[in-house]
Amino acid sequence: MSAEDLEKYEAEMELALYREYRDVVHLFSHVVETERRFYLANSVDVRVRGEGTEVYFEVTMEDAWVWDIYRPARFAKQVRVVTFKDVNVEELAKNDLEVPKTGF
């Protein structure tokens, strides 16, 4: 497989992932961004753990969808993430859940 073939394959996978996102986004109420992943979820709990400079975040999500091109099953009943990096959680308004019908 050439580098060009690999690039084409990854571009097709990314487009398929975007289309899946477009199809499922209306099912979720929250967007969660971590250093490594992007999630859609219906329930999110963020806990700050540790003391002083040794602080980390424990994020628990239920009914989640994971933006990951290499993950064969993107739906998860429960997800737990532990990270020392920033976590962004947004509750989406219903009108924010509308994805434009036009292409990627």
Protein backbone atom coordinates (compact mmCIF):
# COMPACT_ATOMS: atom_id res chain seq x y z
CA MET A 1 0.00 0.00 0.00
CA SER A 2 1.45 3.34 -1.02
CA ALA A 3 1.43 6.51 1.06
CA GLU A 4 -1.15 7.95 -1.35
CA ASP A 5 -3.42 4.92 -0.87
CA LEU A 6 -3.12 5.24 2.90
CA GLU A 7 -3.98 8.95 2.76
CA LYS A 8 -7.01 8.23 0.58
CA TYR A 9 -8.17 5.47 2.95
CA GLU A 10 -7.83 7.73 6.00
CA ALA A 11 -9.70 10.55 4.24
CA GLU A 12 -12.55 8.16 3.40
CA MET A 13 -12.65 6.91 7.01
CA GLU A 14 -12.72 10.49 8.33
CA LEU A 15 -15.60 11.35 5.99
CA ALA A 16 -17.51 8.22 7.09
CA LEU A 17 -16.93 9.20 10.73
CA TYR A 18 -18.23 12.72 10.10
CA ARG A 19 -21.33 11.29 8.44
CA GLU A 20 -21.92 9.01 11.42
CA TYR A 21 -21.50 12.01 13.75
CA ARG A 22 -24.03 13.95 11.69
CA ASP A 23 -26.49 11.07 11.98
CA VAL A 24 -26.18 10.61 15.77
CA VAL A 25 -25.52 14.10 17.18
CA HIS A 26 -29.21 14.76 17.78
CA LEU A 27 -29.33 11.80 20.21
CA PHE A 28 -27.00 13.49 22.74
CA SER A 29 -27.12 16.47 25.08
CA HIS A 30 -23.43 17.07 25.90
CA VAL A 31 -20.13 17.49 24.11
CA VAL A 32 -16.98 16.53 26.01
CA GLU A 33 -13.48 17.30 24.78
CA THR A 34 -10.36 15.90 26.36
CA GLU A 35 -6.76 16.01 25.20
CA ARG A 36 -7.16 12.71 23.35
CA ARG A 37 -10.84 12.37 22.38
CA PHE A 38 -14.11 14.06 21.52
CA TYR A 39 -17.32 12.56 22.94
CA LEU A 40 -21.04 13.01 22.71
CA ALA A 41 -22.89 11.94 25.87
CA ASN A 42 -26.22 12.22 27.66
CA SER A 43 -24.80 12.31 31.18
CA VAL A 44 -21.45 13.78 32.27
CA ASP A 45 -19.86 13.97 35.72
CA VAL A 46 -16.48 15.68 36.21
CA ARG A 47 -14.66 15.24 39.52
CA VAL A 48 -11.46 17.02 40.53
CA ARG A 49 -9.13 14.62 42.34
CA GLY A 50 -5.81 15.00 44.11
CA GLU A 51 -4.26 17.76 46.17
CA GLY A 52 -2.03 20.79 45.57
CA THR A 53 -0.19 20.54 42.27
CA GLU A 54 -1.11 16.86 41.80
CA VAL A 55 -4.64 17.52 40.55
CA TYR A 56 -6.35 15.42 37.92
CA PHE A 57 -9.84 15.09 36.48
CA GLU A 58 -12.04 12.02 36.51
CA VAL A 59 -14.77 12.24 33.89
CA THR A 60 -17.60 9.72 33.80
CA MET A 61 -20.03 9.67 30.89
CA GLU A 62 -23.09 7.55 30.19
CA ASP A 63 -24.68 6.82 26.81
CA ALA A 64 -21.63 8.04 24.94
CA TRP A 65 -20.39 8.15 21.37
CA VAL A 66 -16.64 8.45 20.78
CA TRP A 67 -15.07 10.32 17.85
CA ASP A 68 -12.33 7.86 16.96
CA ILE A 69 -11.64 6.82 13.40
CA TYR A 70 -9.97 3.55 14.43
CA ARG A 71 -12.56 2.41 16.97
CA PRO A 72 -14.90 -0.23 15.51
CA ALA A 73 -17.65 0.32 18.14
CA ARG A 74 -18.11 4.00 18.89
CA PHE A 75 -21.16 3.70 21.16
CA ALA A 76 -20.44 2.99 24.84
CA LYS A 77 -22.79 2.54 27.77
CA GLN A 78 -20.30 4.10 30.18
CA VAL A 79 -16.94 5.82 29.68
CA ARG A 80 -14.43 6.84 32.36
CA VAL A 81 -11.55 9.17 31.53
CA VAL A 82 -8.75 10.16 33.91
CA THR A 83 -6.57 13.06 32.76
CA PHE A 84 -4.20 15.70 34.04
CA LYS A 85 -5.11 17.94 31.08
CA ASP A 86 -8.06 20.29 30.56
CA VAL A 87 -11.55 18.91 30.05
CA ASN A 88 -14.23 20.90 28.23
CA VAL A 89 -17.89 20.00 28.80
CA GLU A 90 -20.71 21.77 27.00
CA GLU A 91 -24.43 21.19 27.28
CA LEU A 92 -25.95 21.59 23.86
CA ALA A 93 -29.11 23.52 23.19
CA LYS A 94 -31.47 21.72 20.86
CA ASN A 95 -30.79 24.16 18.01
CA ASP A 96 -27.02 23.50 18.41
CA LEU A 97 -27.68 19.85 17.60
CA GLU A 98 -28.75 20.61 14.05
CA VAL A 99 -25.99 19.72 11.64
CA PRO A 100 -26.05 21.39 8.22
CA LYS A 101 -27.28 19.09 5.45
CA THR A 102 -24.52 20.26 3.11
CA GLY A 103 -21.29 18.36 2.67
CA PHE A 104 -18.20 18.13 4.84
